[in-house]
């Protein structure tokens, strides 16, 4: 399923991943518009911007989210 807009349902799914990683919701920006390509980036004050990829299947994108965040933020892999 590809998305044109991010709803609360998708945001909650993203939060389930970032919460488990110990990342505060206050440290996240999740735009409601999707883009092609999507992106992850650190913006001012260590805020993590998560832009959902419009052209990629959301479930596939979500599966790749945690490893991408770990790589971007130089976090260790889980035990």
N, C-alpha and C. Protein backbone atom coordinates (compact mmCIF):
# COMPACT_ATOMS: atom_id res chain seq x y z
N UNK A 1 0.84 -1.19 0.00
CA UNK A 1 0.00 0.00 0.00
C UNK A 1 0.89 1.25 0.00
N UNK A 2 0.74 2.09 -1.00
CA UNK A 2 1.47 3.35 -1.04
C UNK A 2 0.57 4.44 -0.45
N UNK A 3 1.19 5.48 0.09
CA UNK A 3 0.44 6.52 0.80
C UNK A 3 0.64 7.88 0.15
N UNK A 4 -0.42 8.66 0.13
CA UNK A 4 -0.32 10.06 -0.30
C UNK A 4 -0.25 10.97 0.90
N UNK A 5 -0.80 10.51 2.03
CA UNK A 5 -0.77 11.30 3.26
C UNK A 5 -0.57 10.36 4.44
N UNK A 6 0.07 10.87 5.46
CA UNK A 6 0.32 10.11 6.68
C UNK A 6 -0.80 10.43 7.67
N UNK A 7 -1.44 9.38 8.17
CA UNK A 7 -2.52 9.56 9.13
C UNK A 7 -2.04 9.14 10.52
N UNK A 8 -2.90 9.32 11.50
CA UNK A 8 -2.58 8.93 12.86
C UNK A 8 -2.22 7.44 12.94
N UNK A 9 -2.86 6.63 12.13
CA UNK A 9 -2.58 5.19 12.11
C UNK A 9 -1.11 4.94 11.77
N UNK A 10 -0.60 5.58 10.74
CA UNK A 10 0.80 5.40 10.35
C UNK A 10 1.75 6.01 11.39
N UNK A 11 1.38 7.16 11.92
CA UNK A 11 2.22 7.80 12.93
C UNK A 11 2.35 6.90 14.16
N UNK A 12 1.26 6.27 14.58
CA UNK A 12 1.32 5.36 15.72
C UNK A 12 2.23 4.18 15.42
N UNK A 13 2.22 3.68 14.21
CA UNK A 13 3.10 2.57 13.83
C UNK A 13 4.56 3.02 13.87
N UNK A 14 4.84 4.24 13.41
CA UNK A 14 6.19 4.78 13.48
C UNK A 14 6.60 4.95 14.94
N UNK A 15 5.70 5.49 15.75
CA UNK A 15 5.99 5.66 17.18
C UNK A 15 6.29 4.32 17.86
N UNK A 16 5.63 3.26 17.46
CA UNK A 16 5.89 1.97 18.10
C UNK A 16 7.35 1.56 17.90
N UNK A 17 7.92 1.93 16.78
CA UNK A 17 9.33 1.63 16.51
C UNK A 17 10.24 2.58 17.27
N UNK A 18 9.98 3.87 17.17
CA UNK A 18 10.86 4.84 17.83
C UNK A 18 10.75 4.77 19.35
N UNK A 19 9.56 4.49 19.88
CA UNK A 19 9.40 4.33 21.33
C UNK A 19 10.26 3.18 21.84
N UNK A 20 10.22 2.06 21.11
CA UNK A 20 11.01 0.88 21.51
C UNK A 20 12.51 1.16 21.46
N UNK A 21 12.90 2.11 20.62
CA UNK A 21 14.31 2.48 20.52
C UNK A 21 14.71 3.51 21.58
N UNK A 22 13.74 3.97 22.35
CA UNK A 22 14.03 4.96 23.39
C UNK A 22 14.13 6.39 22.87
N UNK A 23 13.60 6.63 21.69
CA UNK A 23 13.63 7.97 21.11
C UNK A 23 12.36 8.70 21.53
N UNK A 24 12.52 9.85 22.13
CA UNK A 24 11.38 10.64 22.60
C UNK A 24 10.54 11.12 21.43
N UNK A 25 9.24 11.11 21.61
CA UNK A 25 8.35 11.64 20.58
C UNK A 25 8.59 13.13 20.37
N UNK A 26 9.07 13.79 21.40
CA UNK A 26 9.38 15.22 21.29
C UNK A 26 10.56 15.47 20.37
N UNK A 27 11.36 14.43 20.10
CA UNK A 27 12.55 14.56 19.25
C UNK A 27 12.26 14.15 17.81
N UNK A 28 10.97 14.04 17.45
CA UNK A 28 10.60 13.60 16.11
C UNK A 28 9.75 14.64 15.39
N UNK A 29 9.95 14.73 14.09
CA UNK A 29 9.06 15.48 13.21
C UNK A 29 8.65 14.50 12.12
N UNK A 30 7.33 14.31 11.97
CA UNK A 30 6.80 13.42 10.95
C UNK A 30 5.80 14.22 10.11
N UNK A 31 6.24 14.74 8.97
CA UNK A 31 5.32 15.50 8.12
C UNK A 31 4.15 14.63 7.66
N UNK A 32 3.01 15.26 7.49
CA UNK A 32 1.81 14.54 7.06
C UNK A 32 1.80 14.24 5.57
N UNK A 33 2.62 14.94 4.82
CA UNK A 33 2.74 14.66 3.39
C UNK A 33 3.86 13.67 3.15
N UNK A 34 3.59 12.73 2.26
CA UNK A 34 4.64 11.81 1.85
C UNK A 34 5.44 12.46 0.73
N UNK A 35 6.63 11.94 0.48
CA UNK A 35 7.47 12.45 -0.61
C UNK A 35 8.11 11.28 -1.33
N UNK A 36 8.57 11.55 -2.52
CA UNK A 36 9.30 10.54 -3.27
C UNK A 36 10.63 11.12 -3.71
N UNK A 37 11.71 10.64 -3.18
CA UNK A 37 11.78 9.57 -2.19
C UNK A 37 11.51 10.11 -0.79
N UNK A 38 11.22 9.21 0.13
CA UNK A 38 11.12 9.59 1.54
C UNK A 38 12.52 9.85 2.07
N UNK A 39 12.61 10.27 3.32
CA UNK A 39 13.95 10.53 3.87
C UNK A 39 13.92 10.52 5.39
N UNK A 40 15.11 10.30 5.92
CA UNK A 40 15.39 10.46 7.34
C UNK A 40 16.54 11.43 7.43
N UNK A 41 16.44 12.39 8.33
CA UNK A 41 17.57 13.29 8.52
C UNK A 41 17.48 13.92 9.89
N UNK A 42 18.64 14.27 10.40
CA UNK A 42 18.70 15.01 11.65
C UNK A 42 18.67 16.49 11.30
N UNK A 43 17.73 17.21 11.91
CA UNK A 43 17.64 18.64 11.69
C UNK A 43 18.05 19.33 12.98
N UNK A 44 17.85 20.61 13.10
CA UNK A 44 18.36 21.38 14.23
C UNK A 44 18.02 20.76 15.58
N UNK A 45 18.94 20.95 16.51
CA UNK A 45 18.78 20.50 17.89
C UNK A 45 18.57 18.99 18.02
N UNK A 46 19.11 18.22 17.09
CA UNK A 46 19.03 16.77 17.18
C UNK A 46 17.66 16.18 16.91
N UNK A 47 16.79 16.94 16.28
CA UNK A 47 15.45 16.45 15.94
C UNK A 47 15.55 15.53 14.73
N UNK A 48 14.87 14.40 14.80
CA UNK A 48 14.86 13.44 13.70
C UNK A 48 13.61 13.66 12.86
N UNK A 49 13.83 13.99 11.59
CA UNK A 49 12.72 14.15 10.66
C UNK A 49 12.54 12.84 9.90
N UNK A 50 11.31 12.34 9.91
CA UNK A 50 10.97 11.09 9.24
C UNK A 50 9.91 11.41 8.19
N UNK A 51 10.30 11.34 6.92
CA UNK A 51 9.37 11.60 5.82
C UNK A 51 9.06 10.26 5.14
N UNK A 52 7.80 9.87 5.18
CA UNK A 52 7.39 8.59 4.61
C UNK A 52 7.51 8.65 3.08
N UNK A 53 8.03 7.57 2.52
CA UNK A 53 8.20 7.46 1.07
C UNK A 53 6.85 7.19 0.40
N UNK A 54 6.46 8.07 -0.50
CA UNK A 54 5.17 7.97 -1.20
C UNK A 54 5.10 6.75 -2.12
N UNK A 55 6.21 6.41 -2.78
CA UNK A 55 6.18 5.38 -3.81
C UNK A 55 6.55 3.98 -3.34
N UNK A 56 6.88 3.86 -2.09
CA UNK A 56 7.27 2.56 -1.55
C UNK A 56 6.13 2.00 -0.71
N UNK A 57 5.95 0.70 -0.76
CA UNK A 57 4.95 0.06 0.08
C UNK A 57 5.22 0.41 1.53
N UNK A 58 4.21 0.91 2.24
CA UNK A 58 4.41 1.38 3.62
C UNK A 58 4.94 0.28 4.53
N UNK A 59 4.43 -0.92 4.39
CA UNK A 59 4.90 -2.02 5.25
C UNK A 59 6.38 -2.30 5.02
N UNK A 60 6.81 -2.29 3.77
CA UNK A 60 8.22 -2.50 3.46
C UNK A 60 9.06 -1.36 4.01
N UNK A 61 8.57 -0.13 3.82
CA UNK A 61 9.28 1.05 4.32
C UNK A 61 9.41 0.97 5.84
N UNK A 62 8.33 0.59 6.51
CA UNK A 62 8.32 0.51 7.97
C UNK A 62 9.32 -0.53 8.47
N UNK A 63 9.44 -1.64 7.77
CA UNK A 63 10.40 -2.68 8.15
C UNK A 63 11.83 -2.17 8.10
N UNK A 64 12.11 -1.28 7.16
CA UNK A 64 13.46 -0.74 7.00
C UNK A 64 13.72 0.47 7.89
N UNK A 65 12.71 0.96 8.59
CA UNK A 65 12.85 2.21 9.35
C UNK A 65 13.85 2.09 10.49
N UNK A 66 13.71 1.08 11.34
CA UNK A 66 14.61 0.98 12.50
C UNK A 66 16.08 0.87 12.09
N UNK A 67 16.44 -0.03 11.16
CA UNK A 67 17.85 -0.08 10.75
C UNK A 67 18.34 1.26 10.17
N UNK A 68 17.48 1.94 9.44
CA UNK A 68 17.88 3.24 8.86
C UNK A 68 18.12 4.28 9.94
N UNK A 69 17.26 4.29 10.96
CA UNK A 69 17.45 5.23 12.08
C UNK A 69 18.73 4.90 12.82
N UNK A 70 18.96 3.61 13.09
CA UNK A 70 20.19 3.21 13.79
C UNK A 70 21.43 3.64 13.02
N UNK A 71 21.40 3.49 11.71
CA UNK A 71 22.56 3.88 10.90
C UNK A 71 22.74 5.40 10.94
N UNK A 72 21.67 6.14 10.75
CA UNK A 72 21.75 7.60 10.73
C UNK A 72 22.25 8.16 12.06
N UNK A 73 21.76 7.60 13.16
CA UNK A 73 22.08 8.13 14.48
C UNK A 73 23.26 7.40 15.13
N UNK A 74 23.87 6.49 14.38
CA UNK A 74 25.03 5.72 14.86
C UNK A 74 24.70 5.01 16.18
N UNK A 75 23.54 4.34 16.19
CA UNK A 75 23.10 3.59 17.37
C UNK A 75 23.46 2.12 17.19
N UNK A 76 23.78 1.42 18.27
CA UNK A 76 24.11 0.00 18.15
C UNK A 76 22.89 -0.84 17.79
N UNK A 77 23.15 -1.98 17.20
CA UNK A 77 22.08 -2.93 16.90
C UNK A 77 21.55 -3.49 18.22
N UNK A 78 20.27 -3.86 18.26
CA UNK A 78 19.71 -4.43 19.49
C UNK A 78 20.33 -5.81 19.77
N UNK A 79 20.34 -6.19 21.02
CA UNK A 79 20.88 -7.50 21.42
C UNK A 79 19.97 -8.63 21.03
